[in-house]
C-alpha atoms as a PDB file:
ATOM      1  CA  MET A   1       0.083   0.260  -0.038  1.00  0.00           C
ATOM      2  CA  LYS A   2       2.726   2.571   0.931  1.00  0.00           C
ATOM      3  CA  SER A   3       4.221   2.150  -2.781  1.00  0.00           C
ATOM      4  CA  ILE A   4       0.906   3.532  -4.336  1.00  0.00           C
ATOM      5  CA  TYR A   5       1.502   6.618  -1.953  1.00  0.00           C
ATOM      6  CA  THR A   6       5.027   6.802  -3.151  1.00  0.00           C
ATOM      7  CA  GLN A   7       4.042   6.597  -6.255  1.00  0.00           C
ATOM      8  CA  VAL A   8       1.463   9.303  -5.875  1.00  0.00           C
ATOM      9  CA  THR A   9       3.821  11.423  -4.042  1.00  0.00           C
ATOM     10  CA  LEU A  10       6.548  11.217  -6.668  1.00  0.00           C
ATOM     11  CA  ALA A  11       3.960  12.247  -9.654  1.00  0.00           C
ATOM     12  CA  VAL A  12       2.696  14.948  -7.651  1.00  0.00           C
ATOM     13  CA  SER A  13       5.930  16.530  -6.638  1.00  0.00           C
ATOM     14  CA  GLY A  14       6.983  15.894 -10.390  1.00  0.00           C
ATOM     15  CA  VAL A  15       4.250  18.067 -11.451  1.00  0.00           C
ATOM     16  CA  ALA A  16       4.947  20.711  -8.900  1.00  0.00           C
ATOM     17  CA  ILE A  17       8.329  20.894 -10.178  1.00  0.00           C
ATOM     18  CA  VAL A  18       7.198  21.327 -13.588  1.00  0.00           C
ATOM     19  CA  LEU A  19       4.749  23.857 -12.452  1.00  0.00           C
ATOM     20  CA  LEU A  20       7.467  25.767  -9.958  1.00  0.00           C
ATOM     21  CA  SER A  21       9.836  26.122 -13.106  1.00  0.00           C
ATOM     22  CA  GLY A  22       7.332  28.120 -15.128  1.00  0.00           C
ATOM     23  CA  CYS A  23       6.885  30.959 -12.406  1.00  0.00           C
ATOM     24  CA  SER A  24       9.031  33.547 -13.709  1.00  0.00           C
ATOM     25  CA  GLY A  25       7.433  36.271 -12.116  1.00  0.00           C
ATOM     26  CA  MET A  26       8.345  35.036  -8.599  1.00  0.00           C
ATOM     27  CA  THR A  27      11.345  36.598  -6.581  1.00  0.00           C
ATOM     28  CA  ARG A  28      14.408  34.300  -6.081  1.00  0.00           C
ATOM     29  CA  GLN A  29      13.414  33.721  -2.526  1.00  0.00           C
ATOM     30  CA  GLU A  30       9.716  32.886  -3.101  1.00  0.00           C
ATOM     31  CA  GLN A  31      10.928  30.335  -5.922  1.00  0.00           C
ATOM     32  CA  GLY A  32      13.179  28.907  -2.847  1.00  0.00           C
ATOM     33  CA  VAL A  33      10.314  28.542  -0.534  1.00  0.00           C
ATOM     34  CA  ALA A  34       7.840  27.004  -2.847  1.00  0.00           C
ATOM     35  CA  THR A  35      11.008  24.644  -3.782  1.00  0.00           C
ATOM     36  CA  GLY A  36      11.683  24.005  -0.348  1.00  0.00           C
ATOM     37  CA  ALA A  37       8.148  23.504   0.629  1.00  0.00           C
ATOM     38  CA  VAL A  38       7.837  20.776  -2.244  1.00  0.00           C
ATOM     39  CA  ILE A  39      11.053  18.869  -1.441  1.00  0.00           C
ATOM     40  CA  GLY A  40      10.127  18.978   2.489  1.00  0.00           C
ATOM     41  CA  GLY A  41       6.801  17.694   1.888  1.00  0.00           C
ATOM     42  CA  VAL A  42       7.886  14.881  -0.269  1.00  0.00           C
ATOM     43  CA  ALA A  43      10.927  13.950   2.314  1.00  0.00           C
ATOM     44  CA  GLY A  44       8.209  13.996   4.993  1.00  0.00           C
ATOM     45  CA  ASN A  45       5.920  11.854   3.427  1.00  0.00           C
ATOM     46  CA  LEU A  46       8.725   9.082   2.432  1.00  0.00           C
ATOM     47  CA  LEU A  47      10.014   9.141   5.804  1.00  0.00           C
ATOM     48  CA  CYS A  48       6.690   8.138   7.985  1.00  0.00           C
ATOM     49  CA  GLY A  49       4.036   8.515   5.199  1.00  0.00           C
ATOM     50  CA  GLY A  50       1.368  10.594   6.938  1.00  0.00           C
ATOM     51  CA  ILE A  51      -0.370  13.748   6.129  1.00  0.00           C
ATOM     52  CA  LEU A  52       0.943  15.260   9.645  1.00  0.00           C
ATOM     53  CA  CYS A  53       4.811  14.409   8.627  1.00  0.00           C
ATOM     54  CA  THR A  54       4.057  15.733   4.820  1.00  0.00           C
ATOM     55  CA  GLY A  55       2.744  18.918   6.341  1.00  0.00           C
ATOM     56  CA  ALA A  56       6.010  19.186   8.840  1.00  0.00           C
ATOM     57  CA  GLY A  57       8.328  18.427   6.033  1.00  0.00           C
ATOM     58  CA  ALA A  58       6.737  20.919   3.735  1.00  0.00           C
ATOM     59  CA  ALA A  59       6.917  23.789   6.325  1.00  0.00           C
ATOM     60  CA  VAL A  60      10.333  22.817   7.396  1.00  0.00           C
ATOM     61  CA  GLY A  61      11.012  22.966   3.837  1.00  0.00           C
ATOM     62  CA  ALA A  62       9.961  26.118   3.172  1.00  0.00           C
ATOM     63  CA  VAL A  63      11.852  27.686   6.074  1.00  0.00           C
ATOM     64  CA  VAL A  64      14.775  26.243   4.996  1.00  0.00           C
ATOM     65  CA  GLY A  65      14.316  27.255   1.279  1.00  0.00           C
ATOM     66  CA  SER A  66      13.506  30.799   2.277  1.00  0.00           C
ATOM     67  CA  GLU A  67      16.754  31.119   4.570  1.00  0.00           C
ATOM     68  CA  VAL A  68      18.935  29.690   1.956  1.00  0.00           C
ATOM     69  CA  THR A  69      17.563  32.264  -0.765  1.00  0.00           C
ATOM     70  CA  LYS A  70      17.663  35.316   1.475  1.00  0.00           C
ATOM     71  CA  HIS A  71      19.491  38.162   0.254  1.00  0.00           C
ATOM     72  CA  LYS A  72      22.633  38.958   2.219  1.00  0.00           C
END
């Protein structure tokens, strides 16, 4: 059963990455937040598979993406 969730997660993340690559109007930091959220959500889902882990992973990924792309 988990393999179905993994396949769905990978498909959704692939679509999200394609959609995010077309966001040319976004700032670099906004792109970093969105990309970090997608990657964190996928990682959280793969680690424990629940909606809570996916959400927590997305939140942490968004913060990390924001910090990595912050203007210095």
